[in-house]
């Protein structure tokens, strides 16, 4: 039997919590990525995107808005992660899809 949507969302957040904030922060600092600290919401979004990738979930506009239903400026925050080359935007016909940059985040995927 499969998971319900609420159980799946809970599993994504549990997987994101397994990612050590400081290991990810230090890794990003070594890559010269600044202004992305563990206390920022954008950092949390990055952790959830990594968790979604680990669980083999698609990272597109539908799933991201489902995971973060009340997030203000969500697409601006995703754009900021794209500016830092952490995620890559792939435009689909009726949706956006993001791919995590494996060269930069390979240790966490």
Protein backbone atom coordinates (compact mmCIF):
# COMPACT_ATOMS: atom_id res chain seq x y z
CA UNK A 1 0.00 0.00 0.00
CA UNK A 2 1.30 3.46 -0.88
CA UNK A 3 1.71 6.55 1.20
CA UNK A 4 -0.92 9.25 1.52
CA UNK A 5 0.04 12.77 0.51
CA UNK A 6 0.35 13.87 4.13
CA UNK A 7 2.60 10.91 4.94
CA UNK A 8 4.73 11.68 1.90
CA UNK A 9 5.08 15.33 2.91
CA UNK A 10 6.05 14.23 6.44
CA UNK A 11 8.64 11.86 4.98
CA UNK A 12 10.15 14.66 2.88
CA UNK A 13 10.51 16.86 5.97
CA UNK A 14 12.01 13.96 7.96
CA UNK A 15 14.56 13.37 5.20
CA UNK A 16 15.39 17.10 5.17
CA UNK A 17 16.00 17.02 8.92
CA UNK A 18 18.61 14.28 8.42
CA UNK A 19 20.79 16.77 6.54
CA UNK A 20 23.20 18.39 8.96
CA UNK A 21 22.84 22.18 8.71
CA UNK A 22 26.47 22.92 9.48
CA UNK A 23 27.90 20.34 7.10
CA UNK A 24 25.81 21.80 4.29
CA UNK A 25 26.71 25.35 5.34
CA UNK A 26 30.45 24.59 5.41
CA UNK A 27 30.17 22.82 2.06
CA UNK A 28 28.50 25.90 0.55
CA UNK A 29 31.13 28.19 2.07
CA UNK A 30 33.90 26.10 0.52
CA UNK A 31 32.19 26.61 -2.83
CA UNK A 32 32.31 30.38 -2.19
CA UNK A 33 28.51 30.60 -1.91
CA UNK A 34 27.75 33.45 0.45
CA UNK A 35 24.64 34.79 2.13
CA UNK A 36 23.04 31.40 2.61
CA UNK A 37 23.05 30.58 6.32
CA UNK A 38 21.10 27.91 8.25
CA UNK A 39 18.78 30.47 9.81
CA UNK A 40 17.44 31.62 6.43
CA UNK A 41 14.27 30.20 4.91
CA UNK A 42 16.06 29.76 1.56
CA UNK A 43 18.52 27.39 3.26
CA UNK A 44 15.59 25.32 4.55
CA UNK A 45 14.09 25.24 1.05
CA UNK A 46 17.40 23.94 -0.32
CA UNK A 47 17.42 21.16 2.30
CA UNK A 48 13.88 20.14 1.34
CA UNK A 49 14.81 20.13 -2.36
CA UNK A 50 17.75 17.83 -1.57
CA UNK A 51 15.38 15.58 0.41
CA UNK A 52 12.95 15.48 -2.52
CA UNK A 53 15.80 14.46 -4.82
CA UNK A 54 16.87 11.72 -2.40
CA UNK A 55 13.30 10.38 -2.38
CA UNK A 56 13.19 10.52 -6.20
CA UNK A 57 10.34 13.03 -6.26
CA UNK A 58 10.09 15.43 -9.19
CA UNK A 59 11.04 18.99 -8.35
CA UNK A 60 8.56 21.02 -10.36
CA UNK A 61 6.20 23.90 -9.71
CA UNK A 62 3.37 21.59 -8.64
CA UNK A 63 5.33 19.59 -6.07
CA UNK A 64 7.18 22.62 -4.70
CA UNK A 65 3.96 24.57 -4.10
CA UNK A 66 2.47 21.43 -2.53
CA UNK A 67 5.41 21.10 -0.11
CA UNK A 68 5.41 24.85 0.69
CA UNK A 69 1.73 25.89 0.41
CA UNK A 70 2.01 29.12 2.43
CA UNK A 71 5.49 30.22 1.41
CA UNK A 72 5.61 33.82 0.28
CA UNK A 73 7.93 34.63 -2.62
CA UNK A 74 8.71 30.94 -3.11
CA UNK A 75 9.67 31.32 -6.75
CA UNK A 76 11.89 34.31 -5.92
CA UNK A 77 13.74 32.14 -3.39
CA UNK A 78 14.11 29.39 -5.97
CA UNK A 79 15.39 32.01 -8.42
CA UNK A 80 17.99 33.06 -5.82
CA UNK A 81 19.14 29.44 -5.50
CA UNK A 82 19.39 29.36 -9.28
CA UNK A 83 21.48 32.53 -9.27
CA UNK A 84 23.91 30.72 -6.97
CA UNK A 85 23.97 27.81 -9.49
CA UNK A 86 22.64 25.36 -6.89
CA UNK A 87 19.55 24.54 -8.96
CA UNK A 88 18.98 24.68 -12.70
CA UNK A 89 15.62 25.69 -14.16
CA UNK A 90 14.23 23.56 -16.97
CA UNK A 91 11.12 25.01 -18.55
CA UNK A 92 8.50 22.47 -19.48
CA UNK A 93 5.42 23.12 -21.57
CA UNK A 94 3.06 24.00 -18.71
CA UNK A 95 5.27 23.89 -15.65
CA UNK A 96 8.74 24.66 -14.35
CA UNK A 97 11.14 21.93 -13.33
CA UNK A 98 14.33 22.35 -11.32
CA UNK A 99 17.36 20.10 -11.27
CA UNK A 100 19.84 20.16 -8.40
CA UNK A 101 23.37 20.86 -9.57
CA UNK A 102 25.16 17.56 -8.98
CA UNK A 103 28.60 19.11 -9.41
CA UNK A 104 28.05 21.40 -6.44
CA UNK A 105 25.74 19.30 -4.26
CA UNK A 106 26.94 15.80 -5.16
CA UNK A 107 27.93 14.91 -1.58
CA UNK A 108 24.38 15.57 -0.35
CA UNK A 109 22.45 13.85 -3.13
